[in-house]
All heavy atoms as atom14 arrays in JSON, in Angstrom:
{
  "sequence": "AGKVCSRLYVEAGTEIAKELYFCFLVDRSSERIVMVGSSQG",
  "atom14_mask": [
    [1, 1, 1, 1, 1, 0, 0, 0, 0, 0, 0, 0, 0, 0],
    [1, 1, 1, 1, 0, 0, 0, 0, 0, 0, 0, 0, 0, 0],
    [1, 1, 1, 1, 1, 1, 1, 1, 1, 0, 0, 0, 0, 0],
    [1, 1, 1, 1, 1, 1, 1, 0, 0, 0, 0, 0, 0, 0],
    [1, 1, 1, 1, 1, 1, 0, 0, 0, 0, 0, 0, 0, 0],
    [1, 1, 1, 1, 1, 1, 0, 0, 0, 0, 0, 0, 0, 0],
    [1, 1, 1, 1, 1, 1, 1, 1, 1, 1, 1, 0, 0, 0],
    [1, 1, 1, 1, 1, 1, 1, 1, 0, 0, 0, 0, 0, 0],
    [1, 1, 1, 1, 1, 1, 1, 1, 1, 1, 1, 1, 0, 0],
    [1, 1, 1, 1, 1, 1, 1, 0, 0, 0, 0, 0, 0, 0],
    [1, 1, 1, 1, 1, 1, 1, 1, 1, 0, 0, 0, 0, 0],
    [1, 1, 1, 1, 1, 0, 0, 0, 0, 0, 0, 0, 0, 0],
    [1, 1, 1, 1, 0, 0, 0, 0, 0, 0, 0, 0, 0, 0],
    [1, 1, 1, 1, 1, 1, 1, 0, 0, 0, 0, 0, 0, 0],
    [1, 1, 1, 1, 1, 1, 1, 1, 1, 0, 0, 0, 0, 0],
    [1, 1, 1, 1, 1, 1, 1, 1, 0, 0, 0, 0, 0, 0],
    [1, 1, 1, 1, 1, 0, 0, 0, 0, 0, 0, 0, 0, 0],
    [1, 1, 1, 1, 1, 1, 1, 1, 1, 0, 0, 0, 0, 0],
    [1, 1, 1, 1, 1, 1, 1, 1, 1, 0, 0, 0, 0, 0],
    [1, 1, 1, 1, 1, 1, 1, 1, 0, 0, 0, 0, 0, 0],
    [1, 1, 1, 1, 1, 1, 1, 1, 1, 1, 1, 1, 0, 0],
    [1, 1, 1, 1, 1, 1, 1, 1, 1, 1, 1, 0, 0, 0],
    [1, 1, 1, 1, 1, 1, 0, 0, 0, 0, 0, 0, 0, 0],
    [1, 1, 1, 1, 1, 1, 1, 1, 1, 1, 1, 0, 0, 0],
    [1, 1, 1, 1, 1, 1, 1, 1, 0, 0, 0, 0, 0, 0],
    [1, 1, 1, 1, 1, 1, 1, 0, 0, 0, 0, 0, 0, 0],
    [1, 1, 1, 1, 1, 1, 1, 1, 0, 0, 0, 0, 0, 0],
    [1, 1, 1, 1, 1, 1, 1, 1, 1, 1, 1, 0, 0, 0],
    [1, 1, 1, 1, 1, 1, 0, 0, 0, 0, 0, 0, 0, 0],
    [1, 1, 1, 1, 1, 1, 0, 0, 0, 0, 0, 0, 0, 0],
    [1, 1, 1, 1, 1, 1, 1, 1, 1, 0, 0, 0, 0, 0],
    [1, 1, 1, 1, 1, 1, 1, 1, 1, 1, 1, 0, 0, 0],
    [1, 1, 1, 1, 1, 1, 1, 1, 0, 0, 0, 0, 0, 0],
    [1, 1, 1, 1, 1, 1, 1, 0, 0, 0, 0, 0, 0, 0],
    [1, 1, 1, 1, 1, 1, 1, 1, 0, 0, 0, 0, 0, 0],
    [1, 1, 1, 1, 1, 1, 1, 0, 0, 0, 0, 0, 0, 0],
    [1, 1, 1, 1, 0, 0, 0, 0, 0, 0, 0, 0, 0, 0],
    [1, 1, 1, 1, 1, 1, 0, 0, 0, 0, 0, 0, 0, 0],
    [1, 1, 1, 1, 1, 1, 0, 0, 0, 0, 0, 0, 0, 0],
    [1, 1, 1, 1, 1, 1, 1, 1, 1, 0, 0, 0, 0, 0],
    [1, 1, 1, 1, 0, 0, 0, 0, 0, 0, 0, 0, 0, 0]
  ],
  "atom14_positions": [
    [[0.83, -1.23, -0.01], [-0.01, -0.03, -0.01], [0.86, 1.26, 0.02], [0.42, 2.31, -0.53], [-0.93, 0.02, 1.27], [0.0, 0.0, 0.0], [0.0, 0.0, 0.0], [0.0, 0.0, 0.0], [0.0, 0.0, 0.0], [0.0, 0.0, 0.0], [0.0, 0.0, 0.0], [0.0, 0.0, 0.0], [0.0, 0.0, 0.0], [0.0, 0.0, 0.0]],
    [[2.06, 1.17, 0.56], [2.9, 2.38, 0.61], [2.46, 3.44, 1.55], [1.46, 3.23, 2.25], [0.0, 0.0, 0.0], [0.0, 0.0, 0.0], [0.0, 0.0, 0.0], [0.0, 0.0, 0.0], [0.0, 0.0, 0.0], [0.0, 0.0, 0.0], [0.0, 0.0, 0.0], [0.0, 0.0, 0.0], [0.0, 0.0, 0.0], [0.0, 0.0, 0.0]],
    [[3.19, 4.53, 1.53], [2.8, 5.68, 2.41], [3.05, 6.97, 1.57], [4.01, 7.03, 0.88], [3.6, 5.73, 3.66], [3.2, 4.57, 4.72], [3.87, 4.73, 6.0], [3.42, 3.65, 6.84], [4.04, 3.72, 8.24], [0.0, 0.0, 0.0], [0.0, 0.0, 0.0], [0.0, 0.0, 0.0], [0.0, 0.0, 0.0], [0.0, 0.0, 0.0]],
    [[2.08, 7.89, 1.7], [2.09, 9.17, 1.04], [3.03, 10.16, 1.62], [2.91, 10.36, 2.91], [0.74, 9.73, 0.86], [0.75, 11.11, 0.14], [-0.24, 8.78, 0.01], [0.0, 0.0, 0.0], [0.0, 0.0, 0.0], [0.0, 0.0, 0.0], [0.0, 0.0, 0.0], [0.0, 0.0, 0.0], [0.0, 0.0, 0.0], [0.0, 0.0, 0.0]],
    [[3.92, 10.82, 0.79], [4.82, 11.82, 1.42], [4.02, 13.1, 1.33], [3.63, 13.63, 0.25], [6.05, 11.89, 0.45], [7.17, 13.3, 0.85], [0.0, 0.0, 0.0], [0.0, 0.0, 0.0], [0.0, 0.0, 0.0], [0.0, 0.0, 0.0], [0.0, 0.0, 0.0], [0.0, 0.0, 0.0], [0.0, 0.0, 0.0], [0.0, 0.0, 0.0]],
    [[3.97, 13.83, 2.4], [3.2, 15.13, 2.53], [4.16, 16.24, 3.01], [3.83, 17.36, 3.13], [2.05, 15.14, 3.39], [2.34, 14.68, 4.66], [0.0, 0.0, 0.0], [0.0, 0.0, 0.0], [0.0, 0.0, 0.0], [0.0, 0.0, 0.0], [0.0, 0.0, 0.0], [0.0, 0.0, 0.0], [0.0, 0.0, 0.0], [0.0, 0.0, 0.0]],
    [[5.42, 15.88, 3.38], [6.36, 16.82, 3.78], [7.86, 16.4, 3.46], [8.03, 15.22, 3.31], [6.27, 17.08, 5.32], [6.57, 15.94, 6.24], [6.18, 16.14, 7.64], [4.73, 16.0, 7.83], [4.18, 16.17, 8.98], [4.93, 16.48, 10.16], [2.84, 15.98, 9.11], [0.0, 0.0, 0.0], [0.0, 0.0, 0.0], [0.0, 0.0, 0.0]],
    [[8.7, 17.35, 3.31], [10.11, 17.06, 3.0], [11.07, 17.63, 3.97], [10.8, 18.62, 4.66], [10.37, 17.69, 1.59], [9.57, 17.25, 0.44], [9.8, 18.1, -0.79], [9.67, 15.83, 0.05], [0.0, 0.0, 0.0], [0.0, 0.0, 0.0], [0.0, 0.0, 0.0], [0.0, 0.0, 0.0], [0.0, 0.0, 0.0], [0.0, 0.0, 0.0]],
    [[12.28, 16.95, 4.01], [13.34, 17.54, 4.84], [14.45, 17.95, 3.94], [14.98, 16.98, 3.19], [13.79, 16.57, 5.85], [14.73, 17.17, 6.89], [14.4, 18.21, 7.73], [15.95, 16.5, 7.05], [15.28, 18.76, 8.68], [16.91, 17.02, 8.04], [16.5, 18.14, 8.82], [17.36, 18.58, 9.76], [0.0, 0.0, 0.0], [0.0, 0.0, 0.0]],
    [[14.87, 19.18, 3.8], [15.97, 19.62, 2.89], [17.17, 19.72, 3.84], [17.12, 20.55, 4.83], [15.65, 20.88, 2.24], [16.85, 21.34, 1.31], [14.33, 20.82, 1.41], [0.0, 0.0, 0.0], [0.0, 0.0, 0.0], [0.0, 0.0, 0.0], [0.0, 0.0, 0.0], [0.0, 0.0, 0.0], [0.0, 0.0, 0.0], [0.0, 0.0, 0.0]],
    [[18.3, 19.08, 3.49], [19.38, 19.02, 4.35], [20.66, 19.33, 3.54], [20.8, 19.07, 2.36], [19.51, 17.59, 4.89], [20.51, 17.38, 6.0], [20.36, 15.92, 6.57], [20.78, 14.98, 5.83], [20.09, 15.88, 7.69], [0.0, 0.0, 0.0], [0.0, 0.0, 0.0], [0.0, 0.0, 0.0], [0.0, 0.0, 0.0], [0.0, 0.0, 0.0]],
    [[21.64, 19.95, 4.23], [22.91, 20.28, 3.65], [23.65, 18.99, 3.21], [23.67, 18.05, 3.98], [23.71, 21.14, 4.63], [0.0, 0.0, 0.0], [0.0, 0.0, 0.0], [0.0, 0.0, 0.0], [0.0, 0.0, 0.0], [0.0, 0.0, 0.0], [0.0, 0.0, 0.0], [0.0, 0.0, 0.0], [0.0, 0.0, 0.0], [0.0, 0.0, 0.0]],
    [[24.3, 19.03, 2.1], [25.08, 17.87, 1.62], [26.25, 17.69, 2.59], [26.77, 18.65, 3.16], [0.0, 0.0, 0.0], [0.0, 0.0, 0.0], [0.0, 0.0, 0.0], [0.0, 0.0, 0.0], [0.0, 0.0, 0.0], [0.0, 0.0, 0.0], [0.0, 0.0, 0.0], [0.0, 0.0, 0.0], [0.0, 0.0, 0.0], [0.0, 0.0, 0.0]],
    [[26.63, 16.39, 2.66], [27.69, 16.06, 3.57], [28.83, 15.24, 2.83], [28.42, 14.35, 2.05], [27.21, 15.11, 4.76], [26.17, 15.88, 5.5], [28.25, 14.7, 5.67], [0.0, 0.0, 0.0], [0.0, 0.0, 0.0], [0.0, 0.0, 0.0], [0.0, 0.0, 0.0], [0.0, 0.0, 0.0], [0.0, 0.0, 0.0], [0.0, 0.0, 0.0]],
    [[30.04, 15.59, 2.97], [31.15, 14.76, 2.37], [31.46, 13.62, 3.23], [32.02, 13.66, 4.32], [32.38, 15.72, 2.3], [32.14, 16.86, 1.34], [33.4, 17.8, 1.25], [34.21, 17.72, 2.22], [33.45, 18.62, 0.34], [0.0, 0.0, 0.0], [0.0, 0.0, 0.0], [0.0, 0.0, 0.0], [0.0, 0.0, 0.0], [0.0, 0.0, 0.0]],
    [[31.02, 12.44, 2.7], [31.08, 11.25, 3.56], [32.32, 10.45, 3.22], [32.72, 10.15, 2.1], [29.91, 10.32, 3.17], [28.57, 11.0, 3.52], [29.95, 9.02, 3.96], [27.37, 10.34, 2.98], [0.0, 0.0, 0.0], [0.0, 0.0, 0.0], [0.0, 0.0, 0.0], [0.0, 0.0, 0.0], [0.0, 0.0, 0.0], [0.0, 0.0, 0.0]],
    [[33.09, 10.13, 4.29], [34.25, 9.31, 4.23], [33.94, 7.8, 4.55], [34.53, 6.88, 4.04], [35.37, 9.82, 5.14], [0.0, 0.0, 0.0], [0.0, 0.0, 0.0], [0.0, 0.0, 0.0], [0.0, 0.0, 0.0], [0.0, 0.0, 0.0], [0.0, 0.0, 0.0], [0.0, 0.0, 0.0], [0.0, 0.0, 0.0], [0.0, 0.0, 0.0]],
    [[32.98, 7.65, 5.5], [32.62, 6.26, 5.97], [31.2, 6.18, 6.45], [30.84, 7.15, 7.12], [33.61, 5.84, 7.03], [33.52, 4.41, 7.45], [34.54, 4.05, 8.45], [34.5, 2.55, 8.81], [35.52, 2.24, 9.84], [0.0, 0.0, 0.0], [0.0, 0.0, 0.0], [0.0, 0.0, 0.0], [0.0, 0.0, 0.0], [0.0, 0.0, 0.0]],
    [[30.43, 5.26, 6.14], [29.09, 5.03, 6.63], [29.06, 3.91, 7.63], [29.68, 2.77, 7.37], [28.11, 4.77, 5.43], [27.95, 5.88, 4.46], [26.83, 5.56, 3.44], [26.29, 4.45, 3.56], [26.61, 6.39, 2.65], [0.0, 0.0, 0.0], [0.0, 0.0, 0.0], [0.0, 0.0, 0.0], [0.0, 0.0, 0.0], [0.0, 0.0, 0.0]],
    [[28.41, 4.19, 8.73], [28.31, 3.18, 9.85], [26.82, 2.92, 10.17], [25.9, 3.74, 9.79], [29.02, 3.71, 11.09], [30.4, 4.38, 10.89], [30.83, 5.06, 12.19], [31.42, 3.27, 10.52], [0.0, 0.0, 0.0], [0.0, 0.0, 0.0], [0.0, 0.0, 0.0], [0.0, 0.0, 0.0], [0.0, 0.0, 0.0], [0.0, 0.0, 0.0]],
    [[26.59, 1.93, 10.92], [25.18, 1.61, 11.3], [25.23, 1.55, 12.88], [26.12, 1.05, 13.53], [24.77, 0.29, 10.82], [23.39, -0.12, 11.45], [22.21, 0.33, 10.78], [23.23, -0.91, 12.62], [21.0, -0.05, 11.38], [22.04, -1.24, 13.08], [20.83, -0.8, 12.49], [19.65, -1.14, 12.91], [0.0, 0.0, 0.0], [0.0, 0.0, 0.0]],
    [[24.24, 2.3, 13.53], [24.08, 2.29, 14.9], [22.71, 2.26, 15.38], [21.8, 2.88, 14.77], [24.86, 3.53, 15.57], [24.84, 3.64, 17.07], [25.65, 2.82, 17.78], [23.99, 4.49, 17.7], [25.59, 2.86, 19.15], [23.87, 4.58, 19.08], [24.74, 3.74, 19.72], [0.0, 0.0, 0.0], [0.0, 0.0, 0.0], [0.0, 0.0, 0.0]],
    [[22.37, 1.49, 16.49], [20.97, 1.35, 16.94], [20.92, 0.93, 18.36], [21.82, 0.28, 18.89], [20.41, 0.3, 16.06], [18.63, -0.18, 16.53], [0.0, 0.0, 0.0], [0.0, 0.0, 0.0], [0.0, 0.0, 0.0], [0.0, 0.0, 0.0], [0.0, 0.0, 0.0], [0.0, 0.0, 0.0], [0.0, 0.0, 0.0], [0.0, 0.0, 0.0]],
    [[19.91, 1.47, 19.1], [19.51, 0.85, 20.38], [18.08, 0.4, 20.16], [17.21, 1.0, 19.61], [19.36, 2.06, 21.4], [20.67, 2.4, 21.99], [21.26, 3.71, 21.79], [21.4, 1.64, 22.84], [22.46, 4.09, 22.25], [22.6, 1.99, 23.4], [23.13, 3.24, 23.11], [0.0, 0.0, 0.0], [0.0, 0.0, 0.0], [0.0, 0.0, 0.0]],
    [[17.78, -0.8, 20.75], [16.44, -1.37, 20.77], [16.28, -2.25, 21.94], [17.13, -2.62, 22.6], [16.16, -2.11, 19.45], [17.12, -3.2, 19.04], [16.74, -4.59, 19.68], [17.13, -3.43, 17.47], [0.0, 0.0, 0.0], [0.0, 0.0, 0.0], [0.0, 0.0, 0.0], [0.0, 0.0, 0.0], [0.0, 0.0, 0.0], [0.0, 0.0, 0.0]],
    [[15.0, -2.53, 22.27], [14.61, -3.38, 23.29], [14.61, -4.81, 22.92], [13.96, -5.16, 21.98], [13.22, -3.03, 23.93], [12.84, -3.95, 25.0], [13.17, -1.56, 24.36], [0.0, 0.0, 0.0], [0.0, 0.0, 0.0], [0.0, 0.0, 0.0], [0.0, 0.0, 0.0], [0.0, 0.0, 0.0], [0.0, 0.0, 0.0], [0.0, 0.0, 0.0]],
    [[15.45, -5.63, 23.53], [15.57, -7.08, 23.23], [14.62, -7.74, 24.21], [14.98, -7.87, 25.38], [17.06, -7.55, 23.28], [17.11, -8.97, 22.96], [16.22, -9.57, 22.56], [18.31, -9.5, 23.21], [0.0, 0.0, 0.0], [0.0, 0.0, 0.0], [0.0, 0.0, 0.0], [0.0, 0.0, 0.0], [0.0, 0.0, 0.0], [0.0, 0.0, 0.0]],
    [[13.55, -8.22, 23.75], [12.56, -8.91, 24.64], [13.07, -10.19, 25.19], [12.77, -10.62, 26.32], [11.18, -9.15, 23.91], [10.45, -7.84, 23.49], [9.24, -8.11, 22.89], [8.6, -6.83, 22.45], [7.84, -6.08, 23.23], [7.7, -6.41, 24.43], [7.35, -4.94, 22.75], [0.0, 0.0, 0.0], [0.0, 0.0, 0.0], [0.0, 0.0, 0.0]],
    [[13.86, -10.92, 24.38], [14.33, -12.16, 24.86], [15.27, -12.08, 26.05], [15.31, -12.92, 26.98], [15.04, -12.98, 23.71], [16.16, -12.22, 23.27], [0.0, 0.0, 0.0], [0.0, 0.0, 0.0], [0.0, 0.0, 0.0], [0.0, 0.0, 0.0], [0.0, 0.0, 0.0], [0.0, 0.0, 0.0], [0.0, 0.0, 0.0], [0.0, 0.0, 0.0]],
    [[16.12, -11.09, 26.11], [17.05, -10.88, 27.17], [16.55, -9.84, 28.21], [17.15, -9.65, 29.31], [18.47, -10.43, 26.68], [18.25, -9.09, 26.06], [0.0, 0.0, 0.0], [0.0, 0.0, 0.0], [0.0, 0.0, 0.0], [0.0, 0.0, 0.0], [0.0, 0.0, 0.0], [0.0, 0.0, 0.0], [0.0, 0.0, 0.0], [0.0, 0.0, 0.0]],
    [[15.39, -9.26, 27.96], [14.82, -8.24, 28.8], [15.8, -7.11, 29.11], [15.97, -6.68, 30.26], [14.32, -8.84, 30.09], [13.13, -9.85, 29.87], [12.67, -10.47, 31.1], [13.29, -10.28, 32.16], [11.52, -11.03, 31.09], [0.0, 0.0, 0.0], [0.0, 0.0, 0.0], [0.0, 0.0, 0.0], [0.0, 0.0, 0.0], [0.0, 0.0, 0.0]],
    [[16.56, -6.69, 28.03], [17.51, -5.72, 28.05], [17.48, -4.82, 26.98], [16.96, -5.16, 25.9], [18.98, -6.27, 28.2], [19.2, -7.13, 29.27], [19.49, -6.44, 30.61], [19.94, -7.34, 31.7], [19.17, -8.03, 32.46], [17.8, -8.06, 32.3], [19.72, -8.85, 33.38], [0.0, 0.0, 0.0], [0.0, 0.0, 0.0], [0.0, 0.0, 0.0]],
    [[18.05, -3.54, 27.06], [18.27, -2.73, 25.94], [19.53, -3.3, 25.23], [20.57, -3.45, 26.0], [18.44, -1.15, 26.25], [17.03, -0.73, 26.65], [18.93, -0.47, 25.09], [17.06, 0.73, 27.21], [0.0, 0.0, 0.0], [0.0, 0.0, 0.0], [0.0, 0.0, 0.0], [0.0, 0.0, 0.0], [0.0, 0.0, 0.0], [0.0, 0.0, 0.0]],
    [[19.56, -3.43, 23.95], [20.75, -3.97, 23.3], [21.23, -2.8, 22.31], [20.48, -2.13, 21.63], [20.41, -5.26, 22.5], [19.41, -5.02, 21.51], [21.82, -5.7, 21.89], [0.0, 0.0, 0.0], [0.0, 0.0, 0.0], [0.0, 0.0, 0.0], [0.0, 0.0, 0.0], [0.0, 0.0, 0.0], [0.0, 0.0, 0.0], [0.0, 0.0, 0.0]],
    [[22.52, -2.58, 22.33], [23.18, -1.6, 21.46], [23.69, -2.37, 20.24], [24.45, -3.34, 20.48], [24.32, -0.85, 22.22], [25.12, 0.14, 21.38], [26.09, 1.24, 22.46], [27.08, 0.09, 23.36], [0.0, 0.0, 0.0], [0.0, 0.0, 0.0], [0.0, 0.0, 0.0], [0.0, 0.0, 0.0], [0.0, 0.0, 0.0], [0.0, 0.0, 0.0]],
    [[23.4, -1.98, 19.06], [23.76, -2.77, 17.89], [24.57, -1.76, 16.93], [24.26, -0.6, 16.73], [22.57, -3.2, 17.1], [23.0, -4.06, 15.91], [21.65, -4.1, 18.1], [0.0, 0.0, 0.0], [0.0, 0.0, 0.0], [0.0, 0.0, 0.0], [0.0, 0.0, 0.0], [0.0, 0.0, 0.0], [0.0, 0.0, 0.0], [0.0, 0.0, 0.0]],
    [[25.68, -2.27, 16.44], [26.47, -1.38, 15.48], [27.21, -2.21, 14.46], [27.43, -3.4, 14.74], [0.0, 0.0, 0.0], [0.0, 0.0, 0.0], [0.0, 0.0, 0.0], [0.0, 0.0, 0.0], [0.0, 0.0, 0.0], [0.0, 0.0, 0.0], [0.0, 0.0, 0.0], [0.0, 0.0, 0.0], [0.0, 0.0, 0.0], [0.0, 0.0, 0.0]],
    [[27.51, -1.61, 13.39], [28.3, -2.1, 12.35], [29.22, -1.11, 11.66], [28.69, 0.0, 11.41], [27.39, -2.94, 11.32], [28.32, -3.41, 10.3], [0.0, 0.0, 0.0], [0.0, 0.0, 0.0], [0.0, 0.0, 0.0], [0.0, 0.0, 0.0], [0.0, 0.0, 0.0], [0.0, 0.0, 0.0], [0.0, 0.0, 0.0], [0.0, 0.0, 0.0]],
    [[30.39, -1.51, 11.2], [31.21, -0.59, 10.44], [30.83, -0.54, 8.98], [31.33, 0.32, 8.29], [32.62, -1.04, 10.58], [32.77, -2.35, 10.06], [0.0, 0.0, 0.0], [0.0, 0.0, 0.0], [0.0, 0.0, 0.0], [0.0, 0.0, 0.0], [0.0, 0.0, 0.0], [0.0, 0.0, 0.0], [0.0, 0.0, 0.0], [0.0, 0.0, 0.0]],
    [[29.79, -1.37, 8.62], [29.35, -1.4, 7.24], [27.86, -0.88, 7.21], [26.92, -1.66, 7.16], [29.4, -2.85, 6.61], [30.68, -3.34, 6.69], [30.82, -4.84, 6.19], [30.16, -5.11, 5.18], [31.5, -5.66, 6.88], [0.0, 0.0, 0.0], [0.0, 0.0, 0.0], [0.0, 0.0, 0.0], [0.0, 0.0, 0.0], [0.0, 0.0, 0.0]],
    [[27.72, 0.42, 7.37], [26.34, 0.98, 7.33], [25.79, 1.28, 5.97], [26.38, 0.94, 4.92], [0.0, 0.0, 0.0], [0.0, 0.0, 0.0], [0.0, 0.0, 0.0], [0.0, 0.0, 0.0], [0.0, 0.0, 0.0], [0.0, 0.0, 0.0], [0.0, 0.0, 0.0], [0.0, 0.0, 0.0], [0.0, 0.0, 0.0], [0.0, 0.0, 0.0]]
  ]
}
């Protein structure tokens, strides 16, 4: 079904040397917050 775009965010361009991935989420199995990251974002 998708989602309709009704607003935009205009952002300054960035000179990227490296992209990473970073996240916090609730891990229900361990009943903890888990911090997740990767050097390959």
